[in-house]
Amino acid sequence: MKAINIISTMVVTVFLLAFSVPVQAANMDNAIEKSVKDSYVFQTYLQDDDIKVKSKDGIVTLTGTVSEESHKTMAEDTASGFADVKRVENKLEVKADRPAVKSDAWLVTKVKTTLLFHRHVSAMTEVDVKDGIVTLRGDAENQAQKDLTTEYVRDIEGVKDVKNEMTVAKGPKEKRTTGDKIDDSSITAQVKMSLLYHRSTSGLKTKVETKDGVVTLSGTAKNSAEKDLATKYAKDVNGVKSVENLMTIE
């Protein structure tokens, strides 16, 4: 009788395990899909794109269309940063009617996106581009913010020159906020894209990791100036609490 009870218990245990493993896997995949869709990057930069997120055993597949190539990259970088994600299959397609690469319209989008990444410049800055020359208009909280905006835009790949016609506000303005806490995966994606967009850091071999808002940079830089710029740009990205730069000088 005792042997029968042991066998029965084993059979029940095996059955429960066989049933629970697929359920756990499904729950994990559902959690991954929700995390990706609810991420700051997807809710802020990719909200107008048609992106479908499907996870199967930790392998995330992205399908649909995006307005530009950078959105395809940001979607993959964001999804790959979440726990339990083994890899990302990026099958996103870029819309055919997108602006030509290096055109003025393409550069407008690039400049606006870069300004959105950084919290110490105005996200409401008006951007016009003619033959690679960028004109900025709108309000700046102070002269320092206006100068920083010029500095950031001038260092964007493809920009030939900057005319900053922004008006410095006479009184205090409302502080720019990003709402709820930004997830680490979105921070990593923003830092990667920011470093890629700025010509001074676009050639760096940089690895970016984020834990609780603390960004760690590793890889190589040609000199200390490039390393310092990587730290500066990363520190000013939305959601970043601090930066630990472990990059080595070649």
Protein backbone atom coordinates (compact mmCIF):
# COMPACT_ATOMS: atom_id res chain seq x y z
CA MET A 1 0.00 0.00 0.00
CA LYS A 2 2.84 2.34 0.89
CA ALA A 3 4.50 1.69 -2.46
CA ILE A 4 1.25 2.45 -4.27
CA ASN A 5 0.90 5.74 -2.41
CA ILE A 6 4.48 6.71 -3.32
CA ILE A 7 3.86 5.90 -6.98
CA SER A 8 0.61 7.84 -6.94
CA THR A 9 2.34 10.82 -5.40
CA MET A 10 5.07 10.68 -8.05
CA VAL A 11 2.51 10.51 -10.85
CA VAL A 12 0.63 13.51 -9.47
CA THR A 13 3.88 15.45 -9.05
CA VAL A 14 4.99 14.72 -12.62
CA PHE A 15 1.56 15.73 -13.87
CA LEU A 16 1.62 19.00 -11.94
CA LEU A 17 5.11 19.82 -13.15
CA ALA A 18 4.19 19.03 -16.75
CA PHE A 19 1.20 21.33 -16.44
CA SER A 20 2.87 24.16 -14.52
CA VAL A 21 5.96 24.59 -16.73
CA PRO A 22 3.99 25.71 -19.83
CA VAL A 23 1.86 27.98 -17.62
CA GLN A 24 4.95 29.59 -16.10
CA ALA A 25 6.47 30.05 -19.56
CA ALA A 26 3.25 31.65 -20.83
CA ASN A 27 3.12 33.97 -17.83
CA MET A 28 6.74 34.96 -18.41
CA ASP A 29 6.07 35.71 -22.09
CA ASN A 30 2.98 37.73 -21.22
CA ALA A 31 5.01 39.73 -18.68
CA ILE A 32 7.74 40.39 -21.26
CA GLU A 33 5.24 41.59 -23.86
CA LYS A 34 3.57 43.92 -21.37
CA SER A 35 6.89 45.33 -20.14
CA VAL A 36 8.05 46.11 -23.66
CA LYS A 37 4.76 47.70 -24.71
CA ASP A 38 4.56 49.77 -21.50
CA SER A 39 8.18 50.92 -21.65
CA TYR A 40 9.01 54.62 -21.78
CA VAL A 41 10.52 54.34 -25.26
CA PHE A 42 7.49 52.57 -26.72
CA GLN A 43 5.05 54.97 -25.02
CA THR A 44 7.01 58.12 -25.91
CA TYR A 45 9.00 57.75 -29.13
CA LEU A 46 7.29 54.78 -30.78
CA GLN A 47 3.66 55.46 -29.89
CA ASP A 48 2.73 56.42 -33.46
CA ASP A 49 4.44 53.38 -35.00
CA ASP A 50 2.60 50.14 -35.72
CA ILE A 51 4.65 47.66 -33.67
CA LYS A 52 3.48 44.22 -32.58
CA VAL A 53 5.39 42.49 -29.77
CA LYS A 54 5.27 38.70 -29.40
CA SER A 55 7.32 36.64 -26.95
CA LYS A 56 7.74 32.87 -27.13
CA ASP A 57 9.96 31.20 -24.51
CA GLY A 58 11.80 34.48 -24.02
CA ILE A 59 12.42 35.07 -27.72
CA VAL A 60 10.81 38.38 -28.67
CA THR A 61 9.64 39.00 -32.23
CA LEU A 62 8.92 42.54 -33.39
CA THR A 63 6.72 42.97 -36.46
CA GLY A 64 4.93 45.88 -38.11
CA THR A 65 6.12 49.21 -39.49
CA VAL A 66 8.03 52.21 -38.14
CA SER A 67 8.51 55.69 -39.53
CA GLU A 68 12.30 55.62 -39.59
CA GLU A 69 15.33 53.36 -39.20
CA SER A 70 16.23 54.76 -35.77
CA HIS A 71 12.85 53.65 -34.41
CA LYS A 72 13.58 50.10 -35.54
CA THR A 73 16.88 50.19 -33.65
CA MET A 74 15.35 51.75 -30.53
CA ALA A 75 12.60 49.13 -30.42
CA GLU A 76 15.14 46.31 -30.52
CA ASP A 77 17.46 47.91 -27.98
CA THR A 78 14.56 48.46 -25.58
CA ALA A 79 13.10 44.97 -25.90
CA SER A 80 16.47 43.24 -25.51
CA GLY A 81 17.09 44.96 -22.17
CA PHE A 82 14.28 43.32 -20.21
CA ALA A 83 14.79 40.40 -17.85
CA ASP A 84 14.12 36.90 -19.27
CA VAL A 85 14.52 38.10 -22.87
CA LYS A 86 16.88 35.68 -24.60
CA ARG A 87 17.06 37.46 -27.93
CA VAL A 88 15.07 39.75 -30.22
CA GLU A 89 14.00 38.94 -33.77
CA ASN A 90 13.58 42.37 -35.35
CA LYS A 91 11.28 42.04 -38.37
CA LEU A 92 10.10 45.64 -38.34
CA GLU A 93 9.86 47.36 -41.71
CA VAL A 94 10.56 51.04 -42.31
CA LYS A 95 7.83 52.91 -44.19
CA ALA A 96 8.64 53.56 -47.83
CA ASP A 97 7.57 57.21 -47.67
CA ARG A 98 10.16 58.15 -45.05
CA PRO A 99 12.45 61.14 -45.71
CA ALA A 100 15.62 60.38 -47.63
CA VAL A 101 18.69 59.83 -45.47
CA LYS A 102 20.68 63.05 -44.91
CA SER A 103 17.86 65.17 -46.37
CA ASP A 104 16.69 68.28 -44.49
CA ALA A 105 13.45 66.56 -43.42
CA TRP A 106 15.44 63.58 -42.13
CA LEU A 107 17.71 65.91 -40.18
CA VAL A 108 14.75 67.73 -38.60
CA THR A 109 13.52 64.45 -37.12
CA LYS A 110 17.01 63.56 -35.95
CA VAL A 111 17.50 66.90 -34.18
CA LYS A 112 14.05 66.83 -32.53
CA THR A 113 14.59 63.27 -31.30
CA THR A 114 18.00 64.13 -29.85
CA LEU A 115 16.55 67.08 -27.95
CA LEU A 116 13.83 64.81 -26.55
CA PHE A 117 16.49 62.47 -25.14
CA HIS A 118 18.13 65.21 -23.06
CA ARG A 119 16.36 66.64 -20.01
CA HIS A 120 18.29 69.91 -19.70
CA VAL A 121 17.16 71.35 -23.03
CA SER A 122 13.66 72.32 -24.16
CA ALA A 123 11.66 69.53 -25.79
CA MET A 124 9.43 72.21 -27.35
CA THR A 125 12.20 73.75 -29.44
CA GLU A 126 11.13 74.54 -33.01
CA VAL A 127 13.52 73.06 -35.57
CA ASP A 128 13.94 74.09 -39.21
CA VAL A 129 16.64 72.84 -41.56
CA LYS A 130 17.79 74.26 -44.88
CA ASP A 131 20.75 72.68 -46.69
CA GLY A 132 22.00 71.17 -43.43
CA ILE A 133 21.86 74.46 -41.53
CA VAL A 134 19.62 74.15 -38.47
CA THR A 135 17.56 77.10 -37.17
CA LEU A 136 16.23 76.83 -33.62
CA ARG A 137 13.31 78.86 -32.27
CA GLY A 138 11.22 78.84 -29.13
CA ASP A 139 11.84 79.62 -25.49
CA ALA A 140 14.83 78.78 -23.33
CA GLU A 141 14.71 78.97 -19.53
CA ASN A 142 18.03 80.82 -19.46
CA GLN A 143 21.12 81.57 -21.53
CA ALA A 144 22.84 78.42 -20.31
CA GLN A 145 20.01 76.25 -21.67
CA LYS A 146 20.08 78.11 -24.98
CA ASP A 147 23.85 77.61 -25.29
CA LEU A 148 23.54 73.92 -24.35
CA THR A 149 20.89 73.42 -27.03
CA THR A 150 23.20 74.94 -29.61
CA GLU A 151 26.06 72.72 -28.43
CA TYR A 152 23.99 69.54 -28.61
CA VAL A 153 22.54 70.29 -32.05
CA ARG A 154 25.88 71.35 -33.55
CA ASP A 155 27.34 67.97 -32.58
CA ILE A 156 24.59 65.96 -34.30
CA GLU A 157 25.83 63.97 -37.28
CA GLY A 158 24.85 65.76 -40.51
CA VAL A 159 24.42 69.27 -39.09
CA LYS A 160 26.54 71.85 -40.92
CA ASP A 161 25.77 74.87 -38.76
CA VAL A 162 23.29 76.13 -36.15
CA LYS A 163 21.40 79.42 -35.96
CA ASN A 164 19.88 79.68 -32.50
CA GLU A 165 17.08 82.25 -32.48
CA MET A 166 15.55 81.01 -29.22
CA THR A 167 14.27 83.64 -26.79
CA VAL A 168 15.52 83.55 -23.23
CA ALA A 169 12.57 83.65 -20.82
CA LYS A 170 12.37 86.68 -18.50
CA GLY A 171 10.79 84.75 -15.64
CA PRO A 172 11.03 81.23 -14.20
CA LYS A 173 9.50 78.49 -16.34
CA GLU A 174 7.91 75.24 -15.26
CA LYS A 175 10.46 72.47 -14.86
CA ARG A 176 10.46 69.80 -17.54
CA THR A 177 9.42 66.43 -16.17
CA THR A 178 9.12 62.95 -17.63
CA GLY A 179 6.37 61.66 -15.34
CA ASP A 180 6.81 58.21 -13.85
CA LYS A 181 10.11 56.46 -13.29
CA ILE A 182 11.74 55.47 -16.57
CA ASP A 183 12.56 51.78 -16.98
CA ASP A 184 16.21 50.73 -17.31
CA SER A 185 15.72 49.25 -20.80
CA SER A 186 14.41 52.58 -22.10
CA ILE A 187 17.29 54.44 -20.49
CA THR A 188 19.79 52.12 -22.15
CA ALA A 189 18.12 52.55 -25.55
CA GLN A 190 18.09 56.35 -25.21
CA VAL A 191 21.75 56.50 -24.17
CA LYS A 192 22.79 54.26 -27.09
CA MET A 193 20.88 56.38 -29.58
CA SER A 194 22.15 59.64 -28.10
CA LEU A 195 25.77 58.52 -28.36
CA LEU A 196 25.12 57.36 -31.92
CA TYR A 197 23.50 60.64 -33.02
CA HIS A 198 26.27 62.92 -31.70
CA ARG A 199 29.18 63.00 -34.13
CA SER A 200 31.76 63.25 -31.31
CA THR A 201 30.65 59.90 -29.88
CA SER A 202 29.12 58.12 -32.90
CA GLY A 203 32.32 56.22 -33.60
CA LEU A 204 32.85 54.98 -30.05
CA LYS A 205 32.73 51.28 -29.32
CA THR A 206 30.53 51.64 -26.29
CA LYS A 207 28.58 49.08 -24.31
CA VAL A 208 25.72 50.52 -22.27
CA GLU A 209 24.12 48.86 -19.25
CA THR A 210 21.59 50.33 -16.79
CA LYS A 211 20.63 49.20 -13.30
CA ASP A 212 18.12 51.22 -11.27
CA GLY A 213 18.87 54.31 -13.34
CA VAL A 214 22.64 54.02 -12.95
CA VAL A 215 24.32 53.77 -16.37
CA THR A 216 27.59 51.92 -16.83
CA LEU A 217 29.61 52.63 -19.97
CA SER A 218 32.33 50.26 -21.11
CA GLY A 219 34.33 49.88 -24.30
CA THR A 220 37.02 52.05 -25.85
CA ALA A 221 37.55 55.72 -26.67
CA LYS A 222 40.32 57.35 -28.71
CA ASN A 223 41.09 59.90 -26.02
CA SER A 224 39.91 61.29 -22.68
CA ALA A 225 37.87 64.02 -24.42
CA GLU A 226 35.71 61.43 -26.17
CA LYS A 227 35.31 59.50 -22.93
CA ASP A 228 34.27 62.67 -21.07
CA LEU A 229 31.74 63.56 -23.78
CA ALA A 230 30.19 60.09 -23.56
CA THR A 231 29.72 60.66 -19.82
CA LYS A 232 28.26 64.13 -20.39
CA TYR A 233 25.72 63.03 -22.99
CA ALA A 234 24.69 59.94 -21.00
CA LYS A 235 24.23 61.92 -17.77
CA ASP A 236 21.73 64.26 -19.42
CA VAL A 237 19.51 61.50 -20.81
CA ASN A 238 16.01 61.19 -19.36
CA GLY A 239 15.89 58.89 -16.33
CA VAL A 240 19.64 58.62 -15.73
CA LYS A 241 20.61 59.01 -12.06
CA SER A 242 24.37 58.71 -12.49
CA VAL A 243 27.00 57.39 -14.91
CA GLU A 244 29.95 55.11 -14.24
CA ASN A 245 32.34 55.33 -17.17
CA LEU A 246 34.63 52.30 -17.36
CA MET A 247 35.75 52.97 -20.93
CA THR A 248 39.45 52.55 -21.66
CA ILE A 249 41.58 54.86 -23.83
CA GLU A 250 42.98 53.20 -26.97
